PDB file of all heavy atoms in Angstrom:
ATOM      1  N   THR A   1      25.100   8.255  -6.951  1.00  0.00           N
ATOM      2  CA  THR A   1      23.768   8.438  -7.372  1.00  0.00           C
ATOM      3  C   THR A   1      22.920   7.186  -7.413  1.00  0.00           C
ATOM      4  O   THR A   1      21.733   7.167  -7.556  1.00  0.00           O
ATOM      5  CB  THR A   1      23.626   9.117  -8.757  1.00  0.00           C
ATOM      6  OG1 THR A   1      24.303   8.247  -9.731  1.00  0.00           O
ATOM      7  CG2 THR A   1      24.290  10.526  -8.728  1.00  0.00           C
ATOM      8  N   VAL A   2      23.616   6.022  -7.316  1.00  0.00           N
ATOM      9  CA  VAL A   2      22.895   4.733  -7.366  1.00  0.00           C
ATOM     10  C   VAL A   2      22.675   4.198  -5.891  1.00  0.00           C
ATOM     11  O   VAL A   2      23.603   4.097  -5.132  1.00  0.00           O
ATOM     12  CB  VAL A   2      23.725   3.667  -8.098  1.00  0.00           C
ATOM     13  CG1 VAL A   2      23.002   2.307  -8.086  1.00  0.00           C
ATOM     14  CG2 VAL A   2      23.925   4.157  -9.575  1.00  0.00           C
ATOM     15  N   THR A   3      21.464   3.979  -5.504  1.00  0.00           N
ATOM     16  CA  THR A   3      21.086   3.433  -4.229  1.00  0.00           C
ATOM     17  C   THR A   3      20.976   1.939  -4.357  1.00  0.00           C
ATOM     18  O   THR A   3      20.099   1.456  -5.115  1.00  0.00           O
ATOM     19  CB  THR A   3      19.799   4.105  -3.722  1.00  0.00           C
ATOM     20  OG1 THR A   3      19.975   5.514  -3.736  1.00  0.00           O
ATOM     21  CG2 THR A   3      19.512   3.616  -2.338  1.00  0.00           C
ATOM     22  N   PRO A   4      21.742   1.147  -3.545  1.00  0.00           N
ATOM     23  CA  PRO A   4      21.598  -0.252  -3.666  1.00  0.00           C
ATOM     24  C   PRO A   4      20.236  -0.675  -3.081  1.00  0.00           C
ATOM     25  O   PRO A   4      19.735  -0.060  -2.145  1.00  0.00           O
ATOM     26  CB  PRO A   4      22.761  -0.789  -2.795  1.00  0.00           C
ATOM     27  CG  PRO A   4      23.107   0.326  -1.883  1.00  0.00           C
ATOM     28  CD  PRO A   4      22.744   1.602  -2.613  1.00  0.00           C
ATOM     29  N   ILE A   5      19.639  -1.735  -3.608  1.00  0.00           N
ATOM     30  CA  ILE A   5      18.397  -2.273  -3.147  1.00  0.00           C
ATOM     31  C   ILE A   5      18.648  -3.246  -1.918  1.00  0.00           C
ATOM     32  O   ILE A   5      19.439  -4.137  -2.160  1.00  0.00           O
ATOM     33  CB  ILE A   5      17.631  -2.981  -4.269  1.00  0.00           C
ATOM     34  CG1 ILE A   5      17.308  -2.072  -5.346  1.00  0.00           C
ATOM     35  CG2 ILE A   5      16.376  -3.618  -3.675  1.00  0.00           C
ATOM     36  CD1 ILE A   5      16.715  -2.697  -6.624  1.00  0.00           C
ATOM     37  N   PRO A   6      18.117  -2.954  -0.772  1.00  0.00           N
ATOM     38  CA  PRO A   6      18.386  -3.811   0.354  1.00  0.00           C
ATOM     39  C   PRO A   6      17.885  -5.262   0.036  1.00  0.00           C
ATOM     40  O   PRO A   6      16.953  -5.489  -0.736  1.00  0.00           O
ATOM     41  CB  PRO A   6      17.518  -3.267   1.503  1.00  0.00           C
ATOM     42  CG  PRO A   6      17.221  -1.850   1.058  1.00  0.00           C
ATOM     43  CD  PRO A   6      17.259  -1.804  -0.440  1.00  0.00           C
ATOM     44  N   PHE A   7      18.582  -6.216   0.667  1.00  0.00           N
ATOM     45  CA  PHE A   7      18.288  -7.635   0.437  1.00  0.00           C
ATOM     46  C   PHE A   7      16.838  -7.953   0.621  1.00  0.00           C
ATOM     47  O   PHE A   7      16.240  -8.591  -0.229  1.00  0.00           O
ATOM     48  CB  PHE A   7      19.110  -8.481   1.427  1.00  0.00           C
ATOM     49  CG  PHE A   7      18.621  -9.868   1.578  1.00  0.00           C
ATOM     50  CD1 PHE A   7      18.972 -10.809   0.573  1.00  0.00           C
ATOM     51  CD2 PHE A   7      17.866 -10.279   2.608  1.00  0.00           C
ATOM     52  CE1 PHE A   7      18.473 -12.097   0.633  1.00  0.00           C
ATOM     53  CE2 PHE A   7      17.379 -11.566   2.682  1.00  0.00           C
ATOM     54  CZ  PHE A   7      17.724 -12.479   1.779  1.00  0.00           C
ATOM     55  N   TYR A   8      16.165  -7.472   1.657  1.00  0.00           N
ATOM     56  CA  TYR A   8      14.833  -7.812   1.906  1.00  0.00           C
ATOM     57  C   TYR A   8      13.803  -7.299   0.893  1.00  0.00           C
ATOM     58  O   TYR A   8      12.818  -7.894   0.702  1.00  0.00           O
ATOM     59  CB  TYR A   8      14.371  -7.351   3.347  1.00  0.00           C
ATOM     60  CG  TYR A   8      14.187  -5.896   3.495  1.00  0.00           C
ATOM     61  CD1 TYR A   8      12.964  -5.334   3.338  1.00  0.00           C
ATOM     62  CD2 TYR A   8      15.259  -5.124   3.865  1.00  0.00           C
ATOM     63  CE1 TYR A   8      12.845  -3.930   3.504  1.00  0.00           C
ATOM     64  CE2 TYR A   8      15.156  -3.730   3.971  1.00  0.00           C
ATOM     65  CZ  TYR A   8      13.918  -3.202   3.801  1.00  0.00           C
ATOM     66  OH  TYR A   8      13.768  -1.809   3.947  1.00  0.00           O
ATOM     67  N   GLU A   9      14.177  -6.203   0.212  1.00  0.00           N
ATOM     68  CA  GLU A   9      13.365  -5.714  -0.833  1.00  0.00           C
ATOM     69  C   GLU A   9      13.506  -6.511  -2.161  1.00  0.00           C
ATOM     70  O   GLU A   9      12.709  -6.363  -3.088  1.00  0.00           O
ATOM     71  CB  GLU A   9      13.608  -4.224  -1.078  1.00  0.00           C
ATOM     72  CG  GLU A   9      13.096  -3.381   0.037  1.00  0.00           C
ATOM     73  CD  GLU A   9      13.212  -1.886  -0.226  1.00  0.00           C
ATOM     74  OE1 GLU A   9      13.519  -1.517  -1.315  1.00  0.00           O
ATOM     75  OE2 GLU A   9      12.936  -1.167   0.690  1.00  0.00           O
ATOM     76  N   GLN A  10      14.536  -7.290  -2.240  1.00  0.00           N
ATOM     77  CA  GLN A  10      14.755  -8.136  -3.409  1.00  0.00           C
ATOM     78  C   GLN A  10      13.789  -9.384  -3.377  1.00  0.00           C
ATOM     79  O   GLN A  10      13.524  -9.916  -4.391  1.00  0.00           O
ATOM     80  CB  GLN A  10      16.181  -8.620  -3.521  1.00  0.00           C
ATOM     81  CG  GLN A  10      17.161  -7.489  -3.706  1.00  0.00           C
ATOM     82  CD  GLN A  10      18.596  -7.953  -3.586  1.00  0.00           C
ATOM     83  OE1 GLN A  10      18.845  -9.101  -3.761  1.00  0.00           O
ATOM     84  NE2 GLN A  10      19.503  -7.051  -3.373  1.00  0.00           N
ATOM     85  N   LEU A  11      13.296  -9.636  -2.198  1.00  0.00           N
ATOM     86  CA  LEU A  11      12.455 -10.794  -2.079  1.00  0.00           C
ATOM     87  C   LEU A  11      11.088 -10.283  -1.581  1.00  0.00           C
ATOM     88  O   LEU A  11      10.969  -9.973  -0.374  1.00  0.00           O
ATOM     89  CB  LEU A  11      13.022 -11.785  -1.072  1.00  0.00           C
ATOM     90  CG  LEU A  11      14.261 -12.521  -1.443  1.00  0.00           C
ATOM     91  CD1 LEU A  11      14.828 -13.335  -0.264  1.00  0.00           C
ATOM     92  CD2 LEU A  11      14.111 -13.352  -2.649  1.00  0.00           C
ATOM     93  N   PRO A  12      10.121 -10.121  -2.466  1.00  0.00           N
ATOM     94  CA  PRO A  12       8.845  -9.662  -2.052  1.00  0.00           C
ATOM     95  C   PRO A  12       8.155 -10.402  -0.889  1.00  0.00           C
ATOM     96  O   PRO A  12       7.460  -9.945  -0.091  1.00  0.00           O
ATOM     97  CB  PRO A  12       7.937  -9.735  -3.317  1.00  0.00           C
ATOM     98  CG  PRO A  12       8.930  -9.800  -4.407  1.00  0.00           C
ATOM     99  CD  PRO A  12      10.143 -10.406  -3.865  1.00  0.00           C
ATOM    100  N   LEU A  13       8.485 -11.732  -0.823  1.00  0.00           N
ATOM    101  CA  LEU A  13       7.900 -12.529   0.243  1.00  0.00           C
ATOM    102  C   LEU A  13       8.305 -12.114   1.659  1.00  0.00           C
ATOM    103  O   LEU A  13       7.624 -12.272   2.556  1.00  0.00           O
ATOM    104  CB  LEU A  13       8.303 -14.007   0.059  1.00  0.00           C
ATOM    105  CG  LEU A  13       7.421 -14.748  -0.918  1.00  0.00           C
ATOM    106  CD1 LEU A  13       7.907 -16.230  -1.084  1.00  0.00           C
ATOM    107  CD2 LEU A  13       5.970 -14.811  -0.497  1.00  0.00           C
ATOM    108  N   VAL A  14       9.512 -11.510   1.752  1.00  0.00           N
ATOM    109  CA  VAL A  14      10.012 -11.037   3.044  1.00  0.00           C
ATOM    110  C   VAL A  14       9.047  -9.961   3.617  1.00  0.00           C
ATOM    111  O   VAL A  14       8.634  -9.973   4.746  1.00  0.00           O
ATOM    112  CB  VAL A  14      11.480 -10.543   2.927  1.00  0.00           C
ATOM    113  CG1 VAL A  14      11.876  -9.820   4.245  1.00  0.00           C
ATOM    114  CG2 VAL A  14      12.418 -11.668   2.689  1.00  0.00           C
ATOM    115  N   LYS A  15       8.665  -9.035   2.730  1.00  0.00           N
ATOM    116  CA  LYS A  15       7.719  -7.969   3.135  1.00  0.00           C
ATOM    117  C   LYS A  15       6.417  -8.613   3.590  1.00  0.00           C
ATOM    118  O   LYS A  15       5.784  -8.199   4.528  1.00  0.00           O
ATOM    119  CB  LYS A  15       7.493  -7.007   2.018  1.00  0.00           C
ATOM    120  CG  LYS A  15       8.567  -6.025   1.755  1.00  0.00           C
ATOM    121  CD  LYS A  15       8.235  -5.092   0.693  1.00  0.00           C
ATOM    122  CE  LYS A  15       9.278  -4.043   0.482  1.00  0.00           C
ATOM    123  NZ  LYS A  15       8.950  -3.099  -0.529  1.00  0.00           N
ATOM    124  N   GLU A  16       5.958  -9.653   2.877  1.00  0.00           N
ATOM    125  CA  GLU A  16       4.773 -10.349   3.233  1.00  0.00           C
ATOM    126  C   GLU A  16       4.828 -11.075   4.577  1.00  0.00           C
ATOM    127  O   GLU A  16       3.835 -11.040   5.325  1.00  0.00           O
ATOM    128  CB  GLU A  16       4.351 -11.305   2.121  1.00  0.00           C
ATOM    129  CG  GLU A  16       3.964 -10.596   0.777  1.00  0.00           C
ATOM    130  CD  GLU A  16       3.527 -11.538  -0.324  1.00  0.00           C
ATOM    131  OE1 GLU A  16       2.840 -12.599  -0.008  1.00  0.00           O
ATOM    132  OE2 GLU A  16       3.944 -11.280  -1.401  1.00  0.00           O
ATOM    133  N   VAL A  17       5.954 -11.658   4.829  1.00  0.00           N
ATOM    134  CA  VAL A  17       6.172 -12.361   6.132  1.00  0.00           C
ATOM    135  C   VAL A  17       6.057 -11.345   7.226  1.00  0.00           C
ATOM    136  O   VAL A  17       5.389 -11.593   8.285  1.00  0.00           O
ATOM    137  CB  VAL A  17       7.464 -13.177   6.111  1.00  0.00           C
ATOM    138  CG1 VAL A  17       7.796 -13.653   7.565  1.00  0.00           C
ATOM    139  CG2 VAL A  17       7.516 -14.352   5.127  1.00  0.00           C
ATOM    140  N   ILE A  18       6.783 -10.223   7.114  1.00  0.00           N
ATOM    141  CA  ILE A  18       6.793  -9.199   8.149  1.00  0.00           C
ATOM    142  C   ILE A  18       5.327  -8.664   8.274  1.00  0.00           C
ATOM    143  O   ILE A  18       4.895  -8.483   9.421  1.00  0.00           O
ATOM    144  CB  ILE A  18       7.794  -8.093   7.826  1.00  0.00           C
ATOM    145  CG1 ILE A  18       9.192  -8.664   7.897  1.00  0.00           C
ATOM    146  CG2 ILE A  18       7.604  -6.884   8.723  1.00  0.00           C
ATOM    147  CD1 ILE A  18      10.272  -7.783   7.317  1.00  0.00           C
ATOM    148  N   SER A  19       4.698  -8.367   7.227  1.00  0.00           N
ATOM    149  CA  SER A  19       3.313  -7.838   7.310  1.00  0.00           C
ATOM    150  C   SER A  19       2.420  -8.902   8.007  1.00  0.00           C
ATOM    151  O   SER A  19       1.588  -8.536   8.848  1.00  0.00           O
ATOM    152  CB  SER A  19       2.802  -7.528   5.939  1.00  0.00           C
ATOM    153  OG  SER A  19       1.528  -7.119   5.901  1.00  0.00           O
ATOM    154  N   PHE A  20       2.601 -10.157   7.703  1.00  0.00           N
ATOM    155  CA  PHE A  20       1.766 -11.202   8.344  1.00  0.00           C
ATOM    156  C   PHE A  20       2.049 -11.263   9.820  1.00  0.00           C
ATOM    157  O   PHE A  20       1.134 -11.394  10.640  1.00  0.00           O
ATOM    158  CB  PHE A  20       2.079 -12.596   7.622  1.00  0.00           C
ATOM    159  CG  PHE A  20       1.275 -13.748   8.188  1.00  0.00           C
ATOM    160  CD1 PHE A  20      -0.060 -13.848   7.899  1.00  0.00           C
ATOM    161  CD2 PHE A  20       1.863 -14.688   8.943  1.00  0.00           C
ATOM    162  CE1 PHE A  20      -0.787 -14.911   8.404  1.00  0.00           C
ATOM    163  CE2 PHE A  20       1.211 -15.734   9.461  1.00  0.00           C
ATOM    164  CZ  PHE A  20      -0.204 -15.874   9.186  1.00  0.00           C
ATOM    165  N   ALA A  21       3.364 -11.153  10.174  1.00  0.00           N
ATOM    166  CA  ALA A  21       3.717 -11.184  11.613  1.00  0.00           C
ATOM    167  C   ALA A  21       3.031 -10.052  12.338  1.00  0.00           C
ATOM    168  O   ALA A  21       2.553 -10.182  13.475  1.00  0.00           O
ATOM    169  CB  ALA A  21       5.239 -11.068  11.740  1.00  0.00           C
ATOM    170  N   LYS A  22       3.044  -8.823  11.741  1.00  0.00           N
ATOM    171  CA  LYS A  22       2.428  -7.689  12.393  1.00  0.00           C
ATOM    172  C   LYS A  22       1.010  -7.869  12.585  1.00  0.00           C
ATOM    173  O   LYS A  22       0.359  -7.291  13.553  1.00  0.00           O
ATOM    174  CB  LYS A  22       2.660  -6.375  11.445  1.00  0.00           C
ATOM    175  CG  LYS A  22       4.124  -5.959  11.415  1.00  0.00           C
ATOM    176  CD  LYS A  22       4.256  -4.773  10.476  1.00  0.00           C
ATOM    177  CE  LYS A  22       5.731  -4.400  10.341  1.00  0.00           C
ATOM    178  NZ  LYS A  22       5.869  -3.293   9.362  1.00  0.00           N
ATOM    179  N   GLU A  23       0.299  -8.627  11.804  1.00  0.00           N
ATOM    180  CA  GLU A  23      -1.173  -8.838  11.984  1.00  0.00           C
ATOM    181  C   GLU A  23      -1.394  -9.576  13.367  1.00  0.00           C
ATOM    182  O   GLU A  23      -2.561  -9.600  13.771  1.00  0.00           O
ATOM    183  CB  GLU A  23      -1.667  -9.703  10.846  1.00  0.00           C
ATOM    184  CG  GLU A  23      -1.754  -9.059   9.536  1.00  0.00           C
ATOM    185  CD  GLU A  23      -2.189  -9.969   8.380  1.00  0.00           C
ATOM    186  OE1 GLU A  23      -2.721 -11.018   8.666  1.00  0.00           O
ATOM    187  OE2 GLU A  23      -1.899  -9.600   7.223  1.00  0.00           O
ATOM    188  N   HIS A  24      -0.391 -10.198  13.873  1.00  0.00           N
ATOM    189  CA  HIS A  24      -0.539 -10.945  15.111  1.00  0.00           C
ATOM    190  C   HIS A  24      -0.025 -10.185  16.374  1.00  0.00           C
ATOM    191  O   HIS A  24       0.120 -10.873  17.425  1.00  0.00           O
ATOM    192  CB  HIS A  24       0.072 -12.295  14.955  1.00  0.00           C
ATOM    193  CG  HIS A  24      -0.553 -13.045  13.857  1.00  0.00           C
ATOM    194  ND1 HIS A  24      -0.116 -12.963  12.557  1.00  0.00           N
ATOM    195  CD2 HIS A  24      -1.655 -13.917  13.836  1.00  0.00           C
ATOM    196  CE1 HIS A  24      -0.874 -13.723  11.806  1.00  0.00           C
ATOM    197  NE2 HIS A  24      -1.813 -14.330  12.541  1.00  0.00           N
ATOM    198  N   LEU A  25       0.235  -8.945  16.225  1.00  0.00           N
ATOM    199  CA  LEU A  25       0.611  -8.122  17.435  1.00  0.00           C
ATOM    200  C   LEU A  25      -0.400  -8.330  18.516  1.00  0.00           C
ATOM    201  O   LEU A  25      -1.605  -8.354  18.207  1.00  0.00           O
ATOM    202  CB  LEU A  25       0.793  -6.668  17.077  1.00  0.00           C
ATOM    203  CG  LEU A  25       2.054  -6.205  16.471  1.00  0.00           C
ATOM    204  CD1 LEU A  25       1.960  -4.828  15.887  1.00  0.00           C
ATOM    205  CD2 LEU A  25       3.188  -6.297  17.475  1.00  0.00           C
ATOM    206  N   TYR A  26       0.091  -8.378  19.759  1.00  0.00           N
ATOM    207  CA  TYR A  26      -0.732  -8.500  20.938  1.00  0.00           C
ATOM    208  C   TYR A  26      -1.328  -9.864  21.159  1.00  0.00           C
ATOM    209  O   TYR A  26      -2.139 -10.012  22.111  1.00  0.00           O
ATOM    210  CB  TYR A  26      -1.780  -7.351  21.011  1.00  0.00           C
ATOM    211  CG  TYR A  26      -1.141  -5.969  20.730  1.00  0.00           C
ATOM    212  CD1 TYR A  26      -1.541  -5.309  19.601  1.00  0.00           C
ATOM    213  CD2 TYR A  26      -0.171  -5.442  21.556  1.00  0.00           C
ATOM    214  CE1 TYR A  26      -0.959  -4.096  19.264  1.00  0.00           C
ATOM    215  CE2 TYR A  26       0.399  -4.227  21.248  1.00  0.00           C
ATOM    216  CZ  TYR A  26       0.056  -3.538  20.089  1.00  0.00           C
ATOM    217  OH  TYR A  26       0.561  -2.308  19.806  1.00  0.00           O
ATOM    218  N   THR A  27      -1.030 -10.857  20.306  1.00  0.00           N
ATOM    219  CA  THR A  27      -1.528 -12.167  20.575  1.00  0.00           C
ATOM    220  C   THR A  27      -0.812 -12.649  21.819  1.00  0.00           C
ATOM    221  O   THR A  27       0.393 -12.410  21.980  1.00  0.00           O
ATOM    222  CB  THR A  27      -1.208 -13.132  19.421  1.00  0.00           C
ATOM    223  OG1 THR A  27      -1.866 -12.678  18.181  1.00  0.00           O
ATOM    224  CG2 THR A  27      -1.638 -14.550  19.680  1.00  0.00           C
ATOM    225  N   ARG A  28      -1.498 -13.285  22.714  1.00  0.00           N
ATOM    226  CA  ARG A  28      -0.904 -13.631  24.012  1.00  0.00           C
ATOM    227  C   ARG A  28       0.199 -14.668  23.950  1.00  0.00           C
ATOM    228  O   ARG A  28       0.276 -15.457  22.932  1.00  0.00           O
ATOM    229  CB  ARG A  28      -1.996 -14.155  24.994  1.00  0.00           C
ATOM    230  CG  ARG A  28      -2.526 -15.500  24.674  1.00  0.00           C
ATOM    231  CD  ARG A  28      -3.626 -15.912  25.618  1.00  0.00           C
ATOM    232  NE  ARG A  28      -4.014 -17.252  25.542  1.00  0.00           N
ATOM    233  CZ  ARG A  28      -3.569 -18.234  26.394  1.00  0.00           C
ATOM    234  NH1 ARG A  28      -2.796 -17.919  27.493  1.00  0.00           N
ATOM    235  NH2 ARG A  28      -3.944 -19.479  26.223  1.00  0.00           N
ATOM    236  N   TYR A  29       1.056 -14.658  24.878  1.00  0.00           N
ATOM    237  CA  TYR A  29       2.125 -15.703  24.998  1.00  0.00           C
ATOM    238  C   TYR A  29       1.533 -16.922  25.576  1.00  0.00           C
ATOM    239  O   TYR A  29       0.682 -16.945  26.494  1.00  0.00           O
ATOM    240  CB  TYR A  29       3.264 -15.181  25.949  1.00  0.00           C
ATOM    241  CG  TYR A  29       4.352 -16.199  26.101  1.00  0.00           C
ATOM    242  CD1 TYR A  29       5.387 -16.256  25.212  1.00  0.00           C
ATOM    243  CD2 TYR A  29       4.289 -17.196  27.102  1.00  0.00           C
ATOM    244  CE1 TYR A  29       6.358 -17.249  25.254  1.00  0.00           C
ATOM    245  CE2 TYR A  29       5.284 -18.170  27.254  1.00  0.00           C
ATOM    246  CZ  TYR A  29       6.320 -18.183  26.314  1.00  0.00           C
ATOM    247  OH  TYR A  29       7.221 -19.134  26.424  1.00  0.00           O
ATOM    248  N   ARG A  30       1.945 -18.046  25.028  1.00  0.00           N
ATOM    249  CA  ARG A  30       1.507 -19.350  25.550  1.00  0.00           C
ATOM    250  C   ARG A  30       2.653 -20.347  25.373  1.00  0.00           C
ATOM    251  O   ARG A  30       3.162 -20.560  24.273  1.00  0.00           O
ATOM    252  CB  ARG A  30       0.285 -19.852  24.700  1.00  0.00           C
ATOM    253  CG  ARG A  30      -0.272 -21.051  25.175  1.00  0.00           C
ATOM    254  CD  ARG A  30      -1.536 -21.429  24.437  1.00  0.00           C
ATOM    255  NE  ARG A  30      -1.975 -22.753  24.659  1.00  0.00           N
ATOM    256  CZ  ARG A  30      -2.733 -23.423  23.802  1.00  0.00           C
ATOM    257  NH1 ARG A  30      -3.324 -22.844  22.823  1.00  0.00           N
ATOM    258  NH2 ARG A  30      -3.061 -24.641  24.082  1.00  0.00           N
ATOM    259  N   SER A  31       3.085 -20.826  26.444  1.00  0.00           N
ATOM    260  CA  SER A  31       4.237 -21.833  26.385  1.00  0.00           C
ATOM    261  C   SER A  31       3.886 -22.975  25.496  1.00  0.00           C
ATOM    262  O   SER A  31       2.854 -23.589  25.580  1.00  0.00           O
ATOM    263  CB  SER A  31       4.511 -22.372  27.820  1.00  0.00           C
ATOM    264  OG  SER A  31       5.618 -23.236  27.740  1.00  0.00           O
ATOM    265  N   GLY A  32       4.749 -23.283  24.531  1.00  0.00           N
ATOM    266  CA  GLY A  32       4.540 -24.282  23.573  1.00  0.00           C
ATOM    267  C   GLY A  32       3.529 -23.906  22.413  1.00  0.00           C
ATOM    268  O   GLY A  32       3.271 -24.672  21.538  1.00  0.00           O
ATOM    269  N   GLY A  33       3.022 -22.662  22.510  1.00  0.00           N
ATOM    270  CA  GLY A  33       1.980 -22.229  21.601  1.00  0.00           C
ATOM    271  C   GLY A  33       2.485 -22.052  20.161  1.00  0.00           C
ATOM    272  O   GLY A  33       3.521 -21.509  19.896  1.00  0.00           O
TER     273      GLY A  33
END
């Protein structure tokens, strides 16, 4: 009955990093960018 909390949910900043990364979807590729 106990569901373990995944590692990434233990660190709220991880969710924020992923959310921030998603904000940049479709940004173009640039070598060295």
